[in-house]
Amino acid sequence: MDLDLRKLRYFTAVAEHGQFGRAARELFITQPVLSRQIRAFEQELGCELFTRTTRSVELTAAGRQLYQEAQRITTAVDAAVRRVQEAARGERRLVVAFSPGLHVSEAIREFSARHPHVTVDVLPLRWWEQDAPLRDGRAHVGYLRHPFDATGLRTVPIGRETKVACLPATHRLADRASLTTADLAGEPVLDARTRRTSSLDEKFELIASGQGIALVPVSITGSYSRPDLRYLPVTDSAPVETCLAVPQGEQTDPVPEFLSIATTALRRAGSPTGHGCRLEHPRTGPAT
């Protein structure tokens, strides 16, 4: 079957409002029309998407799965339409995504000096999403930390970051100069597997309130300095690999040129003689 994007957007509106009436008003259509469109969509898919009551609707298991898929699909379609419109207007635009704590400004400055007619936008990433904008078309290039799903992506190693333990200032270990992983055994760790948070602000607020600890890359600490948190080096913790990433086979101008400039600029910035001493220079190795 062909997926009807209009019905998919109708479904998304109902899922987000939990009610046909409000969703219909947002979509500028009548409620009966919206109800018929959703019923038709369910018949096309061969499953119910909502459990309906007189006052509200709730997503079924199939509906919850479709809602997750719909967000990716509509984002990718919107990005594709934007790129087509930019091409029609003769615009040249590059979107660079970056993980929290990583700084791509030096690479952008050098690229823009050589390519002043290319508009460069930046996309700050939520700590748990990493590669998603490269897959759905929101970004052309990503400056990321491993681990992430590198399937279908070309990655170029940039450097290594040490990890530090983030603890509440009242923690029993907070006055130590450094820690080992053995010191942290049995501590509740806040990560994507144990408690997924929507932002680093939320994560650090939970840590400060005594809900757990976290191991974070050292570059994040400068942006989240606060008196109720302590950052301590973990001497035997494995470093975090940083890299540039682009979709496999991506050769659209000006991505290859930016990748070349950014690789040199970011490695230099992370070397002991560069501006950022937090990153270790990588051993030379082929892009993957």
C-alpha atoms as a PDB file:
ATOM      1  CA  MET A   1       0.000   0.000   0.000  1.00  0.00           C
ATOM      2  CA  ASP A   2       1.032   3.632  -0.513  1.00  0.00           C
ATOM      3  CA  LEU A   3       1.281   5.580   2.716  1.00  0.00           C
ATOM      4  CA  ASP A   4      -0.993   8.634   2.667  1.00  0.00           C
ATOM      5  CA  LEU A   5       1.005  11.462   4.271  1.00  0.00           C
ATOM      6  CA  ARG A   6      -2.105  13.573   4.773  1.00  0.00           C
ATOM      7  CA  LYS A   7      -3.745  10.828   6.826  1.00  0.00           C
ATOM      8  CA  LEU A   8      -0.492  10.296   8.687  1.00  0.00           C
ATOM      9  CA  ARG A   9      -0.493  13.966   9.719  1.00  0.00           C
ATOM     10  CA  TYR A  10      -4.152  13.653  10.743  1.00  0.00           C
ATOM     11  CA  PHE A  11      -3.272  10.624  12.867  1.00  0.00           C
ATOM     12  CA  THR A  12      -0.362  12.489  14.496  1.00  0.00           C
ATOM     13  CA  ALA A  13      -2.593  15.419  15.429  1.00  0.00           C
ATOM     14  CA  VAL A  14      -5.147  13.137  17.105  1.00  0.00           C
ATOM     15  CA  ALA A  15      -2.387  11.230  18.910  1.00  0.00           C
ATOM     16  CA  GLU A  16      -0.886  14.444  20.277  1.00  0.00           C
ATOM     17  CA  HIS A  17      -4.184  16.025  21.349  1.00  0.00           C
ATOM     18  CA  GLY A  18      -5.832  12.833  22.615  1.00  0.00           C
ATOM     19  CA  GLN A  19      -9.104  14.137  21.237  1.00  0.00           C
ATOM     20  CA  PHE A  20     -10.677  14.476  17.799  1.00  0.00           C
ATOM     21  CA  GLY A  21     -12.219  17.885  18.456  1.00  0.00           C
ATOM     22  CA  ARG A  22      -8.999  19.748  19.262  1.00  0.00           C
ATOM     23  CA  ALA A  23      -7.121  17.932  16.519  1.00  0.00           C
ATOM     24  CA  ALA A  24      -9.774  18.897  13.965  1.00  0.00           C
ATOM     25  CA  ARG A  25      -9.559  22.556  14.965  1.00  0.00           C
ATOM     26  CA  GLU A  26      -5.782  22.495  14.582  1.00  0.00           C
ATOM     27  CA  LEU A  27      -6.127  20.904  11.128  1.00  0.00           C
ATOM     28  CA  PHE A  28      -8.923  23.311  10.050  1.00  0.00           C
ATOM     29  CA  ILE A  29     -11.301  20.486   9.177  1.00  0.00           C
ATOM     30  CA  THR A  30     -14.519  19.280  10.795  1.00  0.00           C
ATOM     31  CA  GLN A  31     -14.512  16.540  13.400  1.00  0.00           C
ATOM     32  CA  PRO A  32     -16.670  14.118  11.334  1.00  0.00           C
ATOM     33  CA  VAL A  33     -14.291  14.470   8.379  1.00  0.00           C
ATOM     34  CA  LEU A  34     -11.305  13.777  10.629  1.00  0.00           C
ATOM     35  CA  SER A  35     -13.009  10.731  12.167  1.00  0.00           C
ATOM     36  CA  ARG A  36     -13.760   9.308   8.712  1.00  0.00           C
ATOM     37  CA  GLN A  37     -10.165   9.872   7.579  1.00  0.00           C
ATOM     38  CA  ILE A  38      -8.775   8.055  10.637  1.00  0.00           C
ATOM     39  CA  ARG A  39     -11.219   5.168  10.156  1.00  0.00           C
ATOM     40  CA  ALA A  40     -10.153   4.899   6.519  1.00  0.00           C
ATOM     41  CA  PHE A  41      -6.501   4.960   7.571  1.00  0.00           C
ATOM     42  CA  GLU A  42      -7.103   2.126  10.061  1.00  0.00           C
ATOM     43  CA  GLN A  43      -8.819   0.086   7.358  1.00  0.00           C
ATOM     44  CA  GLU A  44      -5.898   0.630   4.991  1.00  0.00           C
ATOM     45  CA  LEU A  45      -3.407  -0.468   7.649  1.00  0.00           C
ATOM     46  CA  GLY A  46      -5.561  -3.351   8.802  1.00  0.00           C
ATOM     47  CA  CYS A  47      -5.412  -2.472  12.511  1.00  0.00           C
ATOM     48  CA  GLU A  48      -6.935  -0.131  15.088  1.00  0.00           C
ATOM     49  CA  LEU A  49      -4.790   2.845  16.040  1.00  0.00           C
ATOM     50  CA  PHE A  50      -6.943   4.266  18.815  1.00  0.00           C
ATOM     51  CA  THR A  51      -9.108   3.017  21.650  1.00  0.00           C
ATOM     52  CA  ARG A  52     -12.048   5.410  21.653  1.00  0.00           C
ATOM     53  CA  THR A  53     -14.210   6.601  24.549  1.00  0.00           C
ATOM     54  CA  THR A  54     -16.895   9.287  24.633  1.00  0.00           C
ATOM     55  CA  ARG A  55     -14.412  11.865  25.935  1.00  0.00           C
ATOM     56  CA  SER A  56     -10.977  10.922  24.608  1.00  0.00           C
ATOM     57  CA  VAL A  57      -8.910   8.496  22.593  1.00  0.00           C
ATOM     58  CA  GLU A  58      -5.854   6.470  23.546  1.00  0.00           C
ATOM     59  CA  LEU A  59      -3.239   4.920  21.309  1.00  0.00           C
ATOM     60  CA  THR A  60      -3.240   1.166  20.894  1.00  0.00           C
ATOM     61  CA  ALA A  61       0.059  -0.736  20.743  1.00  0.00           C
ATOM     62  CA  ALA A  62      -0.047  -0.371  16.956  1.00  0.00           C
ATOM     63  CA  GLY A  63      -0.857   3.314  17.330  1.00  0.00           C
ATOM     64  CA  ARG A  64       2.105   3.911  19.638  1.00  0.00           C
ATOM     65  CA  GLN A  65       4.426   2.256  17.147  1.00  0.00           C
ATOM     66  CA  LEU A  66       2.992   4.264  14.256  1.00  0.00           C
ATOM     67  CA  TYR A  67       3.366   7.494  16.249  1.00  0.00           C
ATOM     68  CA  GLN A  68       7.090   6.813  16.666  1.00  0.00           C
ATOM     69  CA  GLU A  69       7.427   6.016  12.972  1.00  0.00           C
ATOM     70  CA  ALA A  70       5.308   9.001  11.940  1.00  0.00           C
ATOM     71  CA  GLN A  71       7.610  11.482  13.649  1.00  0.00           C
ATOM     72  CA  ARG A  72      10.586  10.152  11.678  1.00  0.00           C
ATOM     73  CA  ILE A  73       8.666   9.991   8.407  1.00  0.00           C
ATOM     74  CA  THR A  74       7.194  13.498   8.555  1.00  0.00           C
ATOM     75  CA  THR A  75      10.530  14.985   9.643  1.00  0.00           C
ATOM     76  CA  ALA A  76      12.291  13.307   6.707  1.00  0.00           C
ATOM     77  CA  VAL A  77       9.618  14.456   4.250  1.00  0.00           C
ATOM     78  CA  ASP A  78       9.732  18.042   5.532  1.00  0.00           C
ATOM     79  CA  ALA A  79      13.529  18.052   5.229  1.00  0.00           C
ATOM     80  CA  ALA A  80      13.336  16.713   1.666  1.00  0.00           C
ATOM     81  CA  VAL A  81      10.800  19.371   0.644  1.00  0.00           C
ATOM     82  CA  ARG A  82      12.998  22.076   2.166  1.00  0.00           C
ATOM     83  CA  ARG A  83      16.050  20.852   0.216  1.00  0.00           C
ATOM     84  CA  VAL A  84      14.091  20.767  -3.038  1.00  0.00           C
ATOM     85  CA  GLN A  85      12.850  24.320  -2.496  1.00  0.00           C
ATOM     86  CA  GLU A  86      16.363  25.519  -1.649  1.00  0.00           C
ATOM     87  CA  ALA A  87      17.705  23.916  -4.825  1.00  0.00           C
ATOM     88  CA  ALA A  88      14.995  25.628  -6.867  1.00  0.00           C
ATOM     89  CA  ARG A  89      16.000  28.993  -5.379  1.00  0.00           C
ATOM     90  CA  GLY A  90      19.690  28.325  -5.986  1.00  0.00           C
ATOM     91  CA  GLU A  91      20.472  28.395  -2.273  1.00  0.00           C
ATOM     92  CA  ARG A  92      23.449  26.540  -0.823  1.00  0.00           C
ATOM     93  CA  ARG A  93      22.929  25.474   2.762  1.00  0.00           C
ATOM     94  CA  LEU A  94      24.783  23.181   5.153  1.00  0.00           C
ATOM     95  CA  VAL A  95      23.424  21.962   8.491  1.00  0.00           C
ATOM     96  CA  VAL A  96      25.940  20.740  11.069  1.00  0.00           C
ATOM     97  CA  ALA A  97      24.673  18.800  14.084  1.00  0.00           C
ATOM     98  CA  PHE A  98      26.762  18.519  17.237  1.00  0.00           C
ATOM     99  CA  SER A  99      26.572  16.622  20.508  1.00  0.00           C
ATOM    100  CA  PRO A 100      26.383  18.479  23.850  1.00  0.00           C
ATOM    101  CA  GLY A 101      29.757  19.860  24.899  1.00  0.00           C
ATOM    102  CA  LEU A 102      31.388  19.491  21.484  1.00  0.00           C
ATOM    103  CA  HIS A 103      32.252  22.711  19.663  1.00  0.00           C
ATOM    104  CA  VAL A 104      32.265  22.950  15.888  1.00  0.00           C
ATOM    105  CA  SER A 105      32.661  26.731  15.574  1.00  0.00           C
ATOM    106  CA  GLU A 106      36.315  26.669  14.512  1.00  0.00           C
ATOM    107  CA  ALA A 107      35.538  24.343  11.604  1.00  0.00           C
ATOM    108  CA  ILE A 108      32.593  26.509  10.541  1.00  0.00           C
ATOM    109  CA  ARG A 109      34.731  29.671  10.638  1.00  0.00           C
ATOM    110  CA  GLU A 110      37.359  28.134   8.376  1.00  0.00           C
ATOM    111  CA  PHE A 111      34.755  26.705   6.008  1.00  0.00           C
ATOM    112  CA  SER A 112      32.817  29.983   5.794  1.00  0.00           C
ATOM    113  CA  ALA A 113      36.006  31.927   5.056  1.00  0.00           C
ATOM    114  CA  ARG A 114      36.521  29.772   1.969  1.00  0.00           C
ATOM    115  CA  HIS A 115      32.831  29.423   1.040  1.00  0.00           C
ATOM    116  CA  PRO A 116      31.128  32.695   2.004  1.00  0.00           C
ATOM    117  CA  HIS A 117      28.085  31.996  -0.194  1.00  0.00           C
ATOM    118  CA  VAL A 118      27.124  28.830   1.697  1.00  0.00           C
ATOM    119  CA  THR A 119      24.736  29.351   4.610  1.00  0.00           C
ATOM    120  CA  VAL A 120      25.767  27.209   7.568  1.00  0.00           C
ATOM    121  CA  ASP A 121      23.205  26.330  10.250  1.00  0.00           C
ATOM    122  CA  VAL A 122      23.893  24.393  13.441  1.00  0.00           C
ATOM    123  CA  LEU A 123      21.660  21.834  15.126  1.00  0.00           C
ATOM    124  CA  PRO A 124      22.307  21.108  18.834  1.00  0.00           C
ATOM    125  CA  LEU A 125      21.579  17.463  19.532  1.00  0.00           C
ATOM    126  CA  ARG A 126      19.780  16.049  22.515  1.00  0.00           C
ATOM    127  CA  TRP A 127      22.161  13.760  24.357  1.00  0.00           C
ATOM    128  CA  TRP A 128      20.279  10.597  23.392  1.00  0.00           C
ATOM    129  CA  GLU A 129      19.543  11.219  19.702  1.00  0.00           C
ATOM    130  CA  GLN A 130      23.041  11.423  18.096  1.00  0.00           C
ATOM    131  CA  ASP A 131      22.682   9.973  14.561  1.00  0.00           C
ATOM    132  CA  ALA A 132      18.928  10.533  13.985  1.00  0.00           C
ATOM    133  CA  PRO A 133      19.234  13.929  12.179  1.00  0.00           C
ATOM    134  CA  LEU A 134      21.675  12.412   9.682  1.00  0.00           C
ATOM    135  CA  ARG A 135      19.131   9.733   8.842  1.00  0.00           C
ATOM    136  CA  ASP A 136      16.002  11.876   8.631  1.00  0.00           C
ATOM    137  CA  GLY A 137      17.613  14.692   6.624  1.00  0.00           C
ATOM    138  CA  ARG A 138      17.726  17.433   9.255  1.00  0.00           C
ATOM    139  CA  ALA A 139      21.534  17.592   9.143  1.00  0.00           C
ATOM    140  CA  HIS A 140      24.230  16.995   6.524  1.00  0.00           C
ATOM    141  CA  VAL A 141      27.133  16.434   8.926  1.00  0.00           C
ATOM    142  CA  GLY A 142      27.344  15.443  12.592  1.00  0.00           C
ATOM    143  CA  TYR A 143      30.081  15.983  15.168  1.00  0.00           C
ATOM    144  CA  LEU A 144      29.290  13.072  17.463  1.00  0.00           C
ATOM    145  CA  ARG A 145      30.484  10.838  20.266  1.00  0.00           C
ATOM    146  CA  HIS A 146      30.468   7.069  20.179  1.00  0.00           C
ATOM    147  CA  PRO A 147      28.629   4.891  20.819  1.00  0.00           C
ATOM    148  CA  PHE A 148      25.845   5.308  18.272  1.00  0.00           C
ATOM    149  CA  ASP A 149      24.453   3.246  15.419  1.00  0.00           C
ATOM    150  CA  ALA A 150      26.945   3.849  12.606  1.00  0.00           C
ATOM    151  CA  THR A 151      25.117   1.618  10.117  1.00  0.00           C
ATOM    152  CA  GLY A 152      24.889   3.449   6.801  1.00  0.00           C
ATOM    153  CA  LEU A 153      27.156   6.255   7.984  1.00  0.00           C
ATOM    154  CA  ARG A 154      30.717   7.185   7.101  1.00  0.00           C
ATOM    155  CA  THR A 155      32.670   8.246  10.189  1.00  0.00           C
ATOM    156  CA  VAL A 156      35.975  10.093  10.449  1.00  0.00           C
ATOM    157  CA  PRO A 157      37.758   9.845  13.831  1.00  0.00           C
ATOM    158  CA  ILE A 158      38.542  13.175  15.496  1.00  0.00           C
ATOM    159  CA  GLY A 159      39.708  12.534  19.053  1.00  0.00           C
ATOM    160  CA  ARG A 160      39.142  10.983  22.454  1.00  0.00           C
ATOM    161  CA  GLU A 161      37.606  12.466  25.554  1.00  0.00           C
ATOM    162  CA  THR A 162      38.058  11.295  29.109  1.00  0.00           C
ATOM    163  CA  LYS A 163      34.998  10.647  31.242  1.00  0.00           C
ATOM    164  CA  VAL A 164      34.262  12.132  34.634  1.00  0.00           C
ATOM    165  CA  ALA A 165      31.790  11.105  37.295  1.00  0.00           C
ATOM    166  CA  CYS A 166      29.047  13.638  37.979  1.00  0.00           C
ATOM    167  CA  LEU A 167      27.937  13.463  41.623  1.00  0.00           C
ATOM    168  CA  PRO A 168      25.740  15.560  43.893  1.00  0.00           C
ATOM    169  CA  ALA A 169      27.844  17.836  46.100  1.00  0.00           C
ATOM    170  CA  THR A 170      26.493  16.010  49.161  1.00  0.00           C
ATOM    171  CA  HIS A 171      27.626  12.575  47.936  1.00  0.00           C
ATOM    172  CA  ARG A 172      29.952  10.579  50.197  1.00  0.00           C
ATOM    173  CA  LEU A 173      32.612  10.563  47.427  1.00  0.00           C
ATOM    174  CA  ALA A 174      32.292  14.230  46.448  1.00  0.00           C
ATOM    175  CA  ASP A 175      35.409  15.338  48.357  1.00  0.00           C
ATOM    176  CA  ARG A 176      37.704  12.819  46.667  1.00  0.00           C
ATOM    177  CA  ALA A 177      40.312  14.052  44.160  1.00  0.00           C
ATOM    178  CA  SER A 178      39.629  11.178  41.743  1.00  0.00           C
ATOM    179  CA  LEU A 179      37.741   7.902  41.529  1.00  0.00           C
ATOM    180  CA  THR A 180      37.964   4.458  39.999  1.00  0.00           C
ATOM    181  CA  THR A 181      35.144   2.386  38.564  1.00  0.00           C
ATOM    182  CA  ALA A 182      35.391   0.191  41.669  1.00  0.00           C
ATOM    183  CA  ASP A 183      34.558   3.224  43.835  1.00  0.00           C
ATOM    184  CA  LEU A 184      31.303   3.612  41.908  1.00  0.00           C
ATOM    185  CA  ALA A 185      30.203  -0.027  42.157  1.00  0.00           C
ATOM    186  CA  GLY A 186      26.630  -0.245  43.357  1.00  0.00           C
ATOM    187  CA  GLU A 187      25.878   3.422  42.678  1.00  0.00           C
ATOM    188  CA  PRO A 188      22.627   4.089  40.748  1.00  0.00           C
ATOM    189  CA  VAL A 189      23.688   5.331  37.314  1.00  0.00           C
ATOM    190  CA  LEU A 190      21.430   7.576  35.242  1.00  0.00           C
ATOM    191  CA  ASP A 191      21.771   6.666  31.580  1.00  0.00           C
ATOM    192  CA  ALA A 192      19.531   5.854  28.621  1.00  0.00           C
ATOM    193  CA  ARG A 193      19.078   2.278  29.815  1.00  0.00           C
ATOM    194  CA  THR A 194      18.031   3.070  33.373  1.00  0.00           C
ATOM    195  CA  ARG A 195      16.224   6.405  33.108  1.00  0.00           C
ATOM    196  CA  ARG A 196      15.862   8.276  29.856  1.00  0.00           C
ATOM    197  CA  THR A 197      15.651  12.035  30.326  1.00  0.00           C
ATOM    198  CA  SER A 198      14.633  14.635  27.758  1.00  0.00           C
ATOM    199  CA  SER A 199      17.671  16.874  28.275  1.00  0.00           C
ATOM    200  CA  LEU A 200      20.966  17.222  30.107  1.00  0.00           C
ATOM    201  CA  ASP A 201      19.380  19.903  32.282  1.00  0.00           C
ATOM    202  CA  GLU A 202      16.848  17.350  33.496  1.00  0.00           C
ATOM    203  CA  LYS A 203      19.549  14.718  33.973  1.00  0.00           C
ATOM    204  CA  PHE A 204      21.786  16.988  36.053  1.00  0.00           C
ATOM    205  CA  GLU A 205      18.833  18.193  38.116  1.00  0.00           C
ATOM    206  CA  LEU A 206      18.104  14.577  39.037  1.00  0.00           C
ATOM    207  CA  ILE A 207      21.748  14.010  39.942  1.00  0.00           C
ATOM    208  CA  ALA A 208      21.889  17.160  42.093  1.00  0.00           C
ATOM    209  CA  SER A 209      18.773  15.985  43.939  1.00  0.00           C
ATOM    210  CA  GLY A 210      20.406  12.659  44.799  1.00  0.00           C
ATOM    211  CA  GLN A 211      18.623  10.408  42.309  1.00  0.00           C
ATOM    212  CA  GLY A 212      21.848   8.907  40.946  1.00  0.00           C
ATOM    213  CA  ILE A 213      25.180   9.634  39.313  1.00  0.00           C
ATOM    214  CA  ALA A 214      26.400   9.717  35.713  1.00  0.00           C
ATOM    215  CA  LEU A 215      29.596   9.274  33.741  1.00  0.00           C
ATOM    216  CA  VAL A 216      29.872  12.153  31.271  1.00  0.00           C
ATOM    217  CA  PRO A 217      32.489  13.385  28.765  1.00  0.00           C
ATOM    218  CA  VAL A 218      34.701  16.048  30.287  1.00  0.00           C
ATOM    219  CA  SER A 219      33.792  18.655  27.637  1.00  0.00           C
ATOM    220  CA  ILE A 220      30.224  18.772  28.967  1.00  0.00           C
ATOM    221  CA  THR A 221      31.326  19.967  32.397  1.00  0.00           C
ATOM    222  CA  GLY A 222      32.165  23.519  31.285  1.00  0.00           C
ATOM    223  CA  SER A 223      28.600  24.116  30.123  1.00  0.00           C
ATOM    224  CA  TYR A 224      26.973  22.622  33.216  1.00  0.00           C
ATOM    225  CA  SER A 225      28.983  24.010  36.122  1.00  0.00           C
ATOM    226  CA  ARG A 226      26.880  24.447  39.253  1.00  0.00           C
ATOM    227  CA  PRO A 227      27.645  24.493  42.994  1.00  0.00           C
ATOM    228  CA  ASP A 228      25.507  21.457  43.827  1.00  0.00           C
ATOM    229  CA  LEU A 229      27.377  19.143  41.446  1.00  0.00           C
ATOM    230  CA  ARG A 230      30.889  17.702  41.541  1.00  0.00           C
ATOM    231  CA  TYR A 231      32.843  16.344  38.570  1.00  0.00           C
ATOM    232  CA  LEU A 232      35.596  13.879  39.442  1.00  0.00           C
ATOM    233  CA  PRO A 233      37.983  12.086  37.049  1.00  0.00           C
ATOM    234  CA  VAL A 234      37.559   8.316  36.831  1.00  0.00           C
ATOM    235  CA  THR A 235      41.114   7.147  36.321  1.00  0.00           C
ATOM    236  CA  ASP A 236      40.374   3.735  34.782  1.00  0.00           C
ATOM    237  CA  SER A 237      37.395   4.720  32.643  1.00  0.00           C
ATOM    238  CA  ALA A 238      37.732   4.130  28.893  1.00  0.00           C
ATOM    239  CA  PRO A 239      37.822   7.340  26.833  1.00  0.00           C
ATOM    240  CA  VAL A 240      34.980   8.376  24.545  1.00  0.00           C
ATOM    241  CA  GLU A 241      35.687   8.468  20.808  1.00  0.00           C
ATOM    242  CA  THR A 242      34.576  11.576  18.892  1.00  0.00           C
ATOM    243  CA  CYS A 243      34.041  11.686  15.143  1.00  0.00           C
ATOM    244  CA  LEU A 244      32.504  13.451  12.196  1.00  0.00           C
ATOM    245  CA  ALA A 245      29.719  11.499  10.519  1.00  0.00           C
ATOM    246  CA  VAL A 246      27.882  11.781   7.222  1.00  0.00           C
ATOM    247  CA  PRO A 247      25.440   9.449   5.449  1.00  0.00           C
ATOM    248  CA  GLN A 248      27.272   6.787   3.453  1.00  0.00           C
ATOM    249  CA  GLY A 249      27.766   7.911  -0.150  1.00  0.00           C
ATOM    250  CA  GLU A 250      26.921  11.555   0.663  1.00  0.00           C
ATOM    251  CA  GLN A 251      28.713  13.610  -2.005  1.00  0.00           C
ATOM    252  CA  THR A 252      26.344  16.557  -2.258  1.00  0.00           C
ATOM    253  CA  ASP A 253      28.254  19.819  -2.546  1.00  0.00           C
ATOM    254  CA  PRO A 254      29.485  21.256  -0.163  1.00  0.00           C
ATOM    255  CA  VAL A 255      29.546  18.293   2.272  1.00  0.00           C
ATOM    256  CA  PRO A 256      32.877  16.742   1.149  1.00  0.00           C
ATOM    257  CA  GLU A 257      34.652  20.111   1.355  1.00  0.00           C
ATOM    258  CA  PHE A 258      33.292  20.797   4.828  1.00  0.00           C
ATOM    259  CA  LEU A 259      34.263  17.303   5.972  1.00  0.00           C
ATOM    260  CA  SER A 260      37.853  17.852   4.831  1.00  0.00           C
ATOM    261  CA  ILE A 261      38.156  21.286   6.463  1.00  0.00           C
ATOM    262  CA  ALA A 262      36.415  20.203   9.671  1.00  0.00           C
ATOM    263  CA  THR A 263      38.579  17.107  10.106  1.00  0.00           C
ATOM    264  CA  THR A 264      41.754  19.188  10.106  1.00  0.00           C
ATOM    265  CA  ALA A 265      40.318  22.041  12.190  1.00  0.00           C
ATOM    266  CA  LEU A 266      38.755  19.864  14.887  1.00  0.00           C
ATOM    267  CA  ARG A 267      41.779  17.607  15.262  1.00  0.00           C
ATOM    268  CA  ARG A 268      43.966  20.687  15.605  1.00  0.00           C
ATOM    269  CA  ALA A 269      41.609  22.227  18.165  1.00  0.00           C
ATOM    270  CA  GLY A 270      41.736  19.042  20.217  1.00  0.00           C
ATOM    271  CA  SER A 271      45.516  18.660  20.185  1.00  0.00           C
ATOM    272  CA  PRO A 272      47.683  19.751  23.164  1.00  0.00           C
ATOM    273  CA  THR A 273      48.785  22.840  21.209  1.00  0.00           C
ATOM    274  CA  GLY A 274      45.270  23.748  20.060  1.00  0.00           C
ATOM    275  CA  HIS A 275      42.515  25.678  21.771  1.00  0.00           C
ATOM    276  CA  GLY A 276      40.844  22.690  23.397  1.00  0.00           C
ATOM    277  CA  CYS A 277      43.070  20.541  25.619  1.00  0.00           C
ATOM    278  CA  ARG A 278      40.225  18.262  26.622  1.00  0.00           C
ATOM    279  CA  LEU A 279      40.403  16.016  23.557  1.00  0.00           C
ATOM    280  CA  GLU A 280      43.238  13.627  22.844  1.00  0.00           C
ATOM    281  CA  HIS A 281      44.476  13.553  19.257  1.00  0.00           C
ATOM    282  CA  PRO A 282      43.433  10.274  17.586  1.00  0.00           C
ATOM    283  CA  ARG A 283      45.755   7.710  16.196  1.00  0.00           C
ATOM    284  CA  THR A 284      45.692   7.864  12.448  1.00  0.00           C
ATOM    285  CA  GLY A 285      43.280   5.462  10.890  1.00  0.00           C
ATOM    286  CA  PRO A 286      40.947   5.125   7.902  1.00  0.00           C
ATOM    287  CA  ALA A 287      37.463   6.533   7.869  1.00  0.00           C
ATOM    288  CA  THR A 288      34.802   3.909   8.329  1.00  0.00           C
END
